[in-house]
């Protein structure tokens, strides 16, 4: 799929709603690339998606310092990566990248750090600041055959 959807998210509640719409579409082996500047809402979106997937208000801390958080209470597990502080692909592999890709769903902040590890099949979500302090603009792009059957988000 190469169709782009741009959505205005007027506040964090709208960001959570988008994550709830996306969560049931994900399956083992999927990768969601979260792009955007610092403070654009990548972690908030990931946290909302994790909670929607698990069906609970679980603690979902940012992996800024731990680099990866794994949520394995329901299959498939969700691996939330924050690659901002990494310098290369080797460091990503050391975090369990191969296992995450084989067994779980990977949510990746700063996916440009993946280099050649960036999967050809992925869902990209670009978050940008909007016109107000709370508004975000989300651009959603499905890349590869996996996403061609999904079309636009329900």
N, C-alpha and C. Protein backbone atom coordinates (compact mmCIF):
# COMPACT_ATOMS: atom_id res chain seq x y z
N UNK A 1 0.85 -1.17 0.00
CA UNK A 1 0.00 0.00 0.00
C UNK A 1 0.89 1.23 0.00
N UNK A 2 0.59 2.17 -0.80
CA UNK A 2 1.30 3.44 -0.79
C UNK A 2 0.32 4.59 -0.65
N UNK A 3 -0.82 4.34 0.00
CA UNK A 3 -1.75 5.46 0.18
C UNK A 3 -1.44 6.11 1.51
N UNK A 4 -1.45 7.41 1.50
CA UNK A 4 -1.13 8.17 2.70
C UNK A 4 -2.41 8.71 3.31
N UNK A 5 -2.49 8.64 4.61
CA UNK A 5 -3.59 9.23 5.35
C UNK A 5 -3.01 10.24 6.32
N UNK A 6 -3.48 11.48 6.25
CA UNK A 6 -3.05 12.49 7.20
C UNK A 6 -4.23 12.79 8.10
N UNK A 7 -3.98 12.72 9.38
CA UNK A 7 -5.04 12.92 10.36
C UNK A 7 -4.65 14.02 11.33
N UNK A 8 -5.59 14.87 11.63
CA UNK A 8 -5.40 15.86 12.68
C UNK A 8 -5.79 15.19 14.00
N UNK A 9 -4.90 15.25 14.95
CA UNK A 9 -5.14 14.72 16.29
C UNK A 9 -5.14 15.92 17.23
N UNK A 10 -6.33 16.47 17.54
CA UNK A 10 -6.38 17.73 18.28
C UNK A 10 -5.85 17.67 19.71
N UNK A 11 -5.79 16.46 20.27
CA UNK A 11 -5.31 16.33 21.65
C UNK A 11 -4.84 14.90 21.88
N UNK A 12 -4.35 14.63 23.09
CA UNK A 12 -3.83 13.30 23.39
C UNK A 12 -4.92 12.24 23.36
N UNK A 13 -6.15 12.60 23.65
CA UNK A 13 -7.26 11.64 23.56
C UNK A 13 -7.43 11.15 22.12
N UNK A 14 -7.25 12.03 21.16
CA UNK A 14 -7.35 11.64 19.76
C UNK A 14 -6.19 10.73 19.37
N UNK A 15 -5.02 10.97 19.93
CA UNK A 15 -3.87 10.10 19.68
C UNK A 15 -4.14 8.71 20.24
N UNK A 16 -4.70 8.65 21.43
CA UNK A 16 -5.05 7.34 22.03
C UNK A 16 -6.10 6.63 21.18
N UNK A 17 -7.06 7.36 20.66
CA UNK A 17 -8.10 6.76 19.82
C UNK A 17 -7.51 6.16 18.55
N UNK A 18 -6.55 6.86 17.94
CA UNK A 18 -5.90 6.32 16.75
C UNK A 18 -5.15 5.03 17.09
N UNK A 19 -4.47 5.00 18.20
CA UNK A 19 -3.75 3.79 18.63
C UNK A 19 -4.72 2.64 18.86
N UNK A 20 -5.88 2.92 19.44
CA UNK A 20 -6.89 1.87 19.65
C UNK A 20 -7.41 1.32 18.34
N UNK A 21 -7.50 2.16 17.30
CA UNK A 21 -7.94 1.70 15.99
C UNK A 21 -6.88 0.83 15.32
N UNK A 22 -5.63 1.14 15.56
CA UNK A 22 -4.55 0.40 14.94
C UNK A 22 -4.28 -0.94 15.63
N UNK A 23 -4.38 -0.99 16.94
CA UNK A 23 -3.98 -2.17 17.72
C UNK A 23 -4.56 -3.49 17.21
N UNK A 24 -5.85 -3.59 16.91
CA UNK A 24 -6.39 -4.89 16.48
C UNK A 24 -5.89 -5.34 15.10
N UNK A 25 -5.27 -4.45 14.35
CA UNK A 25 -4.78 -4.79 13.01
C UNK A 25 -3.40 -5.43 13.05
N UNK A 26 -2.71 -5.31 14.17
CA UNK A 26 -1.34 -5.80 14.26
C UNK A 26 -1.29 -7.29 14.53
N UNK A 27 -0.20 -7.90 14.03
CA UNK A 27 0.01 -9.33 14.26
C UNK A 27 1.51 -9.61 14.35
N UNK A 28 1.81 -10.83 14.75
CA UNK A 28 3.20 -11.25 14.92
C UNK A 28 4.01 -10.90 13.66
N UNK A 29 5.18 -10.32 13.86
CA UNK A 29 6.06 -9.97 12.76
C UNK A 29 5.89 -8.56 12.24
N UNK A 30 4.87 -7.85 12.70
CA UNK A 30 4.64 -6.48 12.23
C UNK A 30 5.63 -5.51 12.88
N UNK A 31 5.91 -4.47 12.14
CA UNK A 31 6.75 -3.40 12.65
C UNK A 31 6.07 -2.06 12.39
N UNK A 32 5.97 -1.25 13.43
CA UNK A 32 5.42 0.09 13.33
C UNK A 32 6.57 1.05 13.57
N UNK A 33 6.90 1.83 12.54
CA UNK A 33 7.97 2.82 12.62
C UNK A 33 7.36 4.15 13.03
N UNK A 34 7.77 4.65 14.18
CA UNK A 34 7.26 5.91 14.71
C UNK A 34 8.29 7.00 14.47
N UNK A 35 7.94 7.93 13.60
CA UNK A 35 8.85 9.01 13.23
C UNK A 35 8.31 10.34 13.73
N UNK A 36 9.20 11.29 13.95
CA UNK A 36 8.81 12.63 14.36
C UNK A 36 9.89 13.26 15.22
N UNK A 37 9.81 14.57 15.35
CA UNK A 37 10.77 15.30 16.17
C UNK A 37 10.61 14.95 17.64
N UNK A 38 11.56 15.38 18.44
CA UNK A 38 11.44 15.24 19.89
C UNK A 38 10.15 15.94 20.34
N UNK A 39 9.38 15.28 21.19
CA UNK A 39 8.16 15.87 21.71
C UNK A 39 6.96 15.81 20.78
N UNK A 40 7.09 15.09 19.67
CA UNK A 40 5.99 15.03 18.70
C UNK A 40 4.91 14.04 19.09
N UNK A 41 5.16 13.19 20.09
CA UNK A 41 4.13 12.27 20.55
C UNK A 41 4.37 10.81 20.23
N UNK A 42 5.57 10.44 19.84
CA UNK A 42 5.87 9.05 19.50
C UNK A 42 5.67 8.13 20.70
N UNK A 43 6.21 8.50 21.83
CA UNK A 43 6.08 7.67 23.03
C UNK A 43 4.63 7.63 23.51
N UNK A 44 3.93 8.74 23.44
CA UNK A 44 2.51 8.75 23.84
C UNK A 44 1.70 7.82 22.96
N UNK A 45 1.98 7.85 21.65
CA UNK A 45 1.28 6.96 20.74
C UNK A 45 1.61 5.50 21.06
N UNK A 46 2.90 5.20 21.26
CA UNK A 46 3.31 3.83 21.57
C UNK A 46 2.67 3.35 22.87
N UNK A 47 2.66 4.19 23.88
CA UNK A 47 2.06 3.83 25.17
C UNK A 47 0.57 3.51 25.00
N UNK A 48 -0.12 4.33 24.21
CA UNK A 48 -1.56 4.10 23.98
C UNK A 48 -1.78 2.81 23.20
N UNK A 49 -0.92 2.52 22.25
CA UNK A 49 -1.06 1.29 21.48
C UNK A 49 -0.81 0.07 22.35
N UNK A 50 0.20 0.14 23.20
CA UNK A 50 0.50 -0.96 24.12
C UNK A 50 -0.70 -1.22 25.04
N UNK A 51 -1.26 -0.17 25.58
CA UNK A 51 -2.41 -0.33 26.48
C UNK A 51 -3.62 -0.86 25.72
N UNK A 52 -3.82 -0.43 24.48
CA UNK A 52 -4.94 -0.94 23.69
C UNK A 52 -4.73 -2.42 23.37
N UNK A 53 -3.51 -2.81 23.08
CA UNK A 53 -3.20 -4.20 22.76
C UNK A 53 -3.41 -5.09 23.98
N UNK A 54 -2.95 -4.61 25.14
CA UNK A 54 -3.05 -5.42 26.35
C UNK A 54 -4.43 -5.32 27.00
N UNK A 55 -5.21 -4.32 26.61
CA UNK A 55 -6.54 -4.18 27.16
C UNK A 55 -6.56 -3.74 28.60
N UNK A 56 -5.54 -2.98 28.99
CA UNK A 56 -5.46 -2.55 30.38
C UNK A 56 -4.65 -1.27 30.50
N UNK A 57 -4.79 -0.61 31.61
CA UNK A 57 -4.00 0.58 31.91
C UNK A 57 -2.68 0.15 32.56
N UNK A 58 -1.87 -0.56 31.81
CA UNK A 58 -0.58 -1.03 32.31
C UNK A 58 0.41 0.12 32.36
N UNK A 59 1.39 -0.04 33.22
CA UNK A 59 2.49 0.91 33.25
C UNK A 59 3.30 0.69 31.97
N UNK A 60 3.49 1.72 31.20
CA UNK A 60 4.23 1.61 29.94
C UNK A 60 5.26 2.73 29.89
N UNK A 61 6.37 2.55 30.61
CA UNK A 61 7.37 3.62 30.65
C UNK A 61 8.08 3.78 29.31
N UNK A 62 8.60 4.95 29.09
CA UNK A 62 9.38 5.22 27.88
C UNK A 62 10.67 4.41 27.95
N UNK A 63 11.06 3.79 26.83
CA UNK A 63 12.33 3.06 26.83
C UNK A 63 13.54 3.95 26.50
N UNK A 64 13.43 5.24 26.80
CA UNK A 64 14.52 6.16 26.48
C UNK A 64 15.84 5.70 27.09
N UNK A 65 15.83 5.25 28.32
CA UNK A 65 17.07 4.85 28.99
C UNK A 65 17.31 3.35 28.92
N UNK A 66 16.25 2.55 28.93
CA UNK A 66 16.41 1.10 28.84
C UNK A 66 16.58 0.64 27.40
N UNK A 67 16.21 1.47 26.45
CA UNK A 67 16.29 1.25 25.00
C UNK A 67 15.21 0.32 24.46
N UNK A 68 14.74 -0.62 25.28
CA UNK A 68 13.66 -1.50 24.84
C UNK A 68 12.85 -1.93 26.07
N UNK A 69 11.54 -2.00 25.88
CA UNK A 69 10.63 -2.55 26.88
C UNK A 69 9.85 -3.65 26.19
N UNK A 70 9.70 -4.79 26.86
CA UNK A 70 8.97 -5.92 26.27
C UNK A 70 7.72 -6.16 27.10
N UNK A 71 6.59 -6.27 26.40
CA UNK A 71 5.29 -6.55 27.03
C UNK A 71 4.84 -7.90 26.50
N UNK A 72 4.95 -8.92 27.37
CA UNK A 72 4.69 -10.28 26.91
C UNK A 72 3.55 -10.97 27.66
N UNK A 73 2.66 -10.19 28.24
CA UNK A 73 1.56 -10.80 29.00
C UNK A 73 0.51 -11.43 28.09
N UNK A 74 0.45 -11.01 26.84
CA UNK A 74 -0.43 -11.65 25.85
C UNK A 74 0.38 -11.85 24.57
N UNK A 75 0.14 -12.96 23.89
CA UNK A 75 0.87 -13.15 22.63
C UNK A 75 0.21 -12.40 21.49
N UNK A 76 0.96 -11.98 20.50
CA UNK A 76 2.42 -11.92 20.52
C UNK A 76 2.89 -10.76 21.39
N UNK A 77 4.11 -10.87 21.91
CA UNK A 77 4.62 -9.78 22.74
C UNK A 77 4.86 -8.52 21.91
N UNK A 78 4.80 -7.40 22.57
CA UNK A 78 5.13 -6.12 21.94
C UNK A 78 6.51 -5.69 22.46
N UNK A 79 7.37 -5.35 21.53
CA UNK A 79 8.70 -4.83 21.84
C UNK A 79 8.69 -3.34 21.48
N UNK A 80 8.89 -2.49 22.46
CA UNK A 80 8.91 -1.04 22.24
C UNK A 80 10.36 -0.58 22.32
N UNK A 81 10.90 -0.18 21.18
CA UNK A 81 12.28 0.28 21.07
C UNK A 81 12.34 1.79 20.96
N UNK A 82 13.31 2.40 21.65
CA UNK A 82 13.64 3.80 21.45
C UNK A 82 15.12 3.82 21.06
N UNK A 83 15.38 4.06 19.79
CA UNK A 83 16.74 3.93 19.26
C UNK A 83 17.50 5.25 19.19
N UNK A 84 16.95 6.29 19.80
CA UNK A 84 17.52 7.64 19.70
C UNK A 84 19.00 7.67 20.06
N UNK A 85 19.39 6.98 21.12
CA UNK A 85 20.76 7.07 21.63
C UNK A 85 21.71 6.06 20.99
N UNK A 86 21.22 5.27 20.03
CA UNK A 86 22.08 4.26 19.42
C UNK A 86 22.84 4.83 18.24
N UNK A 87 23.97 4.21 17.96
CA UNK A 87 24.80 4.72 16.86
C UNK A 87 24.87 3.77 15.67
N UNK A 88 24.38 2.53 15.84
CA UNK A 88 24.49 1.62 14.71
C UNK A 88 23.63 0.38 14.84
N UNK A 89 23.58 -0.34 13.75
CA UNK A 89 22.75 -1.55 13.65
C UNK A 89 23.17 -2.62 14.65
N UNK A 90 24.47 -2.76 14.90
CA UNK A 90 24.95 -3.80 15.81
C UNK A 90 24.32 -3.65 17.18
N UNK A 91 24.16 -2.41 17.63
CA UNK A 91 23.56 -2.17 18.94
C UNK A 91 22.10 -2.58 18.95
N UNK A 92 21.40 -2.42 17.83
CA UNK A 92 20.00 -2.83 17.74
C UNK A 92 19.89 -4.35 17.86
N UNK A 93 20.76 -5.06 17.18
CA UNK A 93 20.75 -6.52 17.22
C UNK A 93 20.97 -7.00 18.66
N UNK A 94 21.87 -6.34 19.39
CA UNK A 94 22.14 -6.71 20.78
C UNK A 94 20.92 -6.55 21.68
N UNK A 95 19.98 -5.71 21.29
CA UNK A 95 18.76 -5.49 22.09
C UNK A 95 17.71 -6.58 21.89
N UNK A 96 17.97 -7.53 20.99
CA UNK A 96 17.00 -8.59 20.74
C UNK A 96 16.17 -8.37 19.49
N UNK A 97 16.69 -7.60 18.55
CA UNK A 97 15.95 -7.26 17.34
C UNK A 97 15.43 -8.49 16.60
N UNK A 98 16.29 -9.49 16.43
CA UNK A 98 15.88 -10.68 15.67
C UNK A 98 14.73 -11.41 16.37
N UNK A 99 14.80 -11.52 17.67
CA UNK A 99 13.72 -12.15 18.44
C UNK A 99 12.44 -11.34 18.35
N UNK A 100 12.56 -10.03 18.47
CA UNK A 100 11.38 -9.16 18.38
C UNK A 100 10.70 -9.33 17.03
N UNK A 101 11.47 -9.36 15.97
CA UNK A 101 10.91 -9.49 14.62
C UNK A 101 10.30 -10.86 14.39
N UNK A 102 10.89 -11.90 14.97
CA UNK A 102 10.41 -13.26 14.75
C UNK A 102 9.19 -13.59 15.59
N UNK A 103 9.15 -13.06 16.80
CA UNK A 103 8.13 -13.51 17.75
C UNK A 103 7.11 -12.46 18.15
N UNK A 104 7.36 -11.21 17.83
CA UNK A 104 6.48 -10.18 18.37
C UNK A 104 6.11 -9.11 17.38
N UNK A 105 5.64 -8.02 17.95
CA UNK A 105 5.30 -6.79 17.23
C UNK A 105 6.32 -5.76 17.68
N UNK A 106 6.96 -5.10 16.74
CA UNK A 106 7.99 -4.11 17.08
C UNK A 106 7.45 -2.70 16.86
N UNK A 107 7.45 -1.91 17.92
CA UNK A 107 7.16 -0.48 17.85
C UNK A 107 8.51 0.22 17.97
N UNK A 108 8.88 0.99 16.96
CA UNK A 108 10.23 1.54 16.93
C UNK A 108 10.20 3.06 16.80
N UNK A 109 10.70 3.73 17.83
CA UNK A 109 10.92 5.16 17.76
C UNK A 109 12.33 5.38 17.20
N UNK A 110 12.47 6.34 16.31
CA UNK A 110 13.73 6.66 15.63
C UNK A 110 14.16 5.48 14.74
N UNK A 111 13.29 5.01 13.86
CA UNK A 111 13.60 3.85 13.03
C UNK A 111 14.74 4.07 12.04
N UNK A 112 15.13 5.33 11.79
CA UNK A 112 16.26 5.58 10.90
C UNK A 112 17.55 4.95 11.43
N UNK A 113 17.61 4.68 12.75
CA UNK A 113 18.79 4.06 13.36
C UNK A 113 18.91 2.58 12.96
N UNK A 114 17.85 2.01 12.38
CA UNK A 114 17.89 0.60 11.98
C UNK A 114 18.77 0.34 10.77
N UNK A 115 18.99 1.35 9.96
CA UNK A 115 19.79 1.17 8.76
C UNK A 115 19.24 0.05 7.89
N UNK A 116 20.07 -0.91 7.56
CA UNK A 116 19.66 -2.02 6.69
C UNK A 116 18.71 -3.00 7.37
N UNK A 117 18.53 -2.87 8.67
CA UNK A 117 17.59 -3.74 9.40
C UNK A 117 16.14 -3.29 9.24
N UNK A 118 15.93 -2.10 8.69
CA UNK A 118 14.57 -1.59 8.51
C UNK A 118 13.81 -2.53 7.57
N UNK A 119 12.72 -3.15 8.06
CA UNK A 119 12.00 -4.11 7.24
C UNK A 119 11.32 -3.46 6.03
N UNK A 120 11.26 -4.20 4.95
CA UNK A 120 10.57 -3.72 3.74
C UNK A 120 9.08 -3.61 3.98
N UNK A 121 8.54 -4.45 4.85
CA UNK A 121 7.11 -4.43 5.20
C UNK A 121 6.98 -3.73 6.55
N UNK A 122 6.28 -2.60 6.55
CA UNK A 122 6.12 -1.88 7.82
C UNK A 122 5.01 -0.85 7.70
N UNK A 123 4.55 -0.41 8.85
CA UNK A 123 3.61 0.70 8.92
C UNK A 123 4.39 1.87 9.49
N UNK A 124 4.39 2.97 8.75
CA UNK A 124 5.10 4.17 9.20
C UNK A 124 4.09 5.19 9.69
N UNK A 125 4.36 5.75 10.85
CA UNK A 125 3.52 6.82 11.39
C UNK A 125 4.43 8.00 11.69
N UNK A 126 4.22 9.08 10.97
CA UNK A 126 4.97 10.30 11.18
C UNK A 126 4.09 11.25 11.98
N UNK A 127 4.57 11.67 13.12
CA UNK A 127 3.85 12.61 13.98
C UNK A 127 4.55 13.96 13.94
N UNK A 128 3.76 15.00 13.70
CA UNK A 128 4.28 16.37 13.67
C UNK A 128 3.44 17.24 14.59
N UNK A 129 4.06 18.32 15.05
CA UNK A 129 3.32 19.30 15.85
C UNK A 129 2.30 19.98 14.95
N UNK A 130 1.13 20.27 15.52
CA UNK A 130 0.07 20.94 14.78
C UNK A 130 0.03 22.42 15.09
N UNK A 131 -1.14 23.02 14.83
CA UNK A 131 -1.32 24.47 14.98
C UNK A 131 -1.41 24.91 16.43
N UNK A 132 -1.84 24.01 17.31
CA UNK A 132 -1.94 24.34 18.74
C UNK A 132 -0.93 23.49 19.51
N UNK A 133 -0.65 23.84 20.75
CA UNK A 133 0.33 23.06 21.52
C UNK A 133 -0.05 21.58 21.69
N UNK A 134 -1.34 21.29 21.72
CA UNK A 134 -1.79 19.90 21.93
C UNK A 134 -2.00 19.13 20.64
N UNK A 135 -2.15 19.84 19.52
CA UNK A 135 -2.47 19.15 18.27
C UNK A 135 -1.25 18.48 17.66
N UNK A 136 -1.48 17.29 17.11
CA UNK A 136 -0.48 16.58 16.33
C UNK A 136 -1.11 16.25 14.98
N UNK A 137 -0.28 16.16 13.98
CA UNK A 137 -0.69 15.71 12.66
C UNK A 137 -0.02 14.35 12.46
N UNK A 138 -0.81 13.35 12.15
CA UNK A 138 -0.27 12.01 11.91
C UNK A 138 -0.39 11.68 10.44
N UNK A 139 0.72 11.27 9.86
CA UNK A 139 0.74 10.79 8.49
C UNK A 139 1.01 9.29 8.56
N UNK A 140 0.12 8.51 7.99
CA UNK A 140 0.20 7.05 8.07
C UNK A 140 0.47 6.49 6.69
N UNK A 141 1.54 5.70 6.59
CA UNK A 141 1.92 5.12 5.31
C UNK A 141 2.20 3.63 5.52
N UNK A 142 1.46 2.79 4.81
CA UNK A 142 1.72 1.36 4.82
C UNK A 142 2.68 1.03 3.70
N UNK A 143 3.73 0.28 4.02
CA UNK A 143 4.74 -0.07 3.03
C UNK A 143 4.81 -1.60 2.94
N UNK A 144 4.66 -2.12 1.74
CA UNK A 144 4.78 -3.56 1.51
C UNK A 144 3.45 -4.26 1.37
N UNK A 145 3.51 -5.50 0.94
CA UNK A 145 2.31 -6.31 0.68
C UNK A 145 1.45 -6.53 1.91
N UNK A 146 2.07 -6.67 3.06
CA UNK A 146 1.32 -6.93 4.30
C UNK A 146 0.26 -5.86 4.52
N UNK A 147 0.58 -4.64 4.21
CA UNK A 147 -0.33 -3.54 4.50
C UNK A 147 -1.26 -3.22 3.35
N UNK A 148 -1.05 -3.82 2.18
CA UNK A 148 -1.90 -3.53 1.03
C UNK A 148 -3.34 -3.99 1.24
N UNK A 149 -3.55 -5.04 2.01
CA UNK A 149 -4.91 -5.54 2.24
C UNK A 149 -5.64 -4.79 3.35
N UNK A 150 -4.95 -3.95 4.05
CA UNK A 150 -5.57 -3.24 5.18
C UNK A 150 -6.30 -2.00 4.71
N UNK A 151 -5.76 -1.30 3.73
CA UNK A 151 -6.39 -0.06 3.28
C UNK A 151 -6.30 0.99 4.36
N UNK A 152 -7.29 1.84 4.44
CA UNK A 152 -7.26 2.88 5.47
C UNK A 152 -7.71 2.29 6.79
N UNK A 153 -7.32 2.92 7.86
CA UNK A 153 -7.67 2.44 9.20
C UNK A 153 -9.18 2.54 9.39
N UNK A 154 -9.75 1.54 10.06
CA UNK A 154 -11.20 1.59 10.33
C UNK A 154 -11.56 2.72 11.28
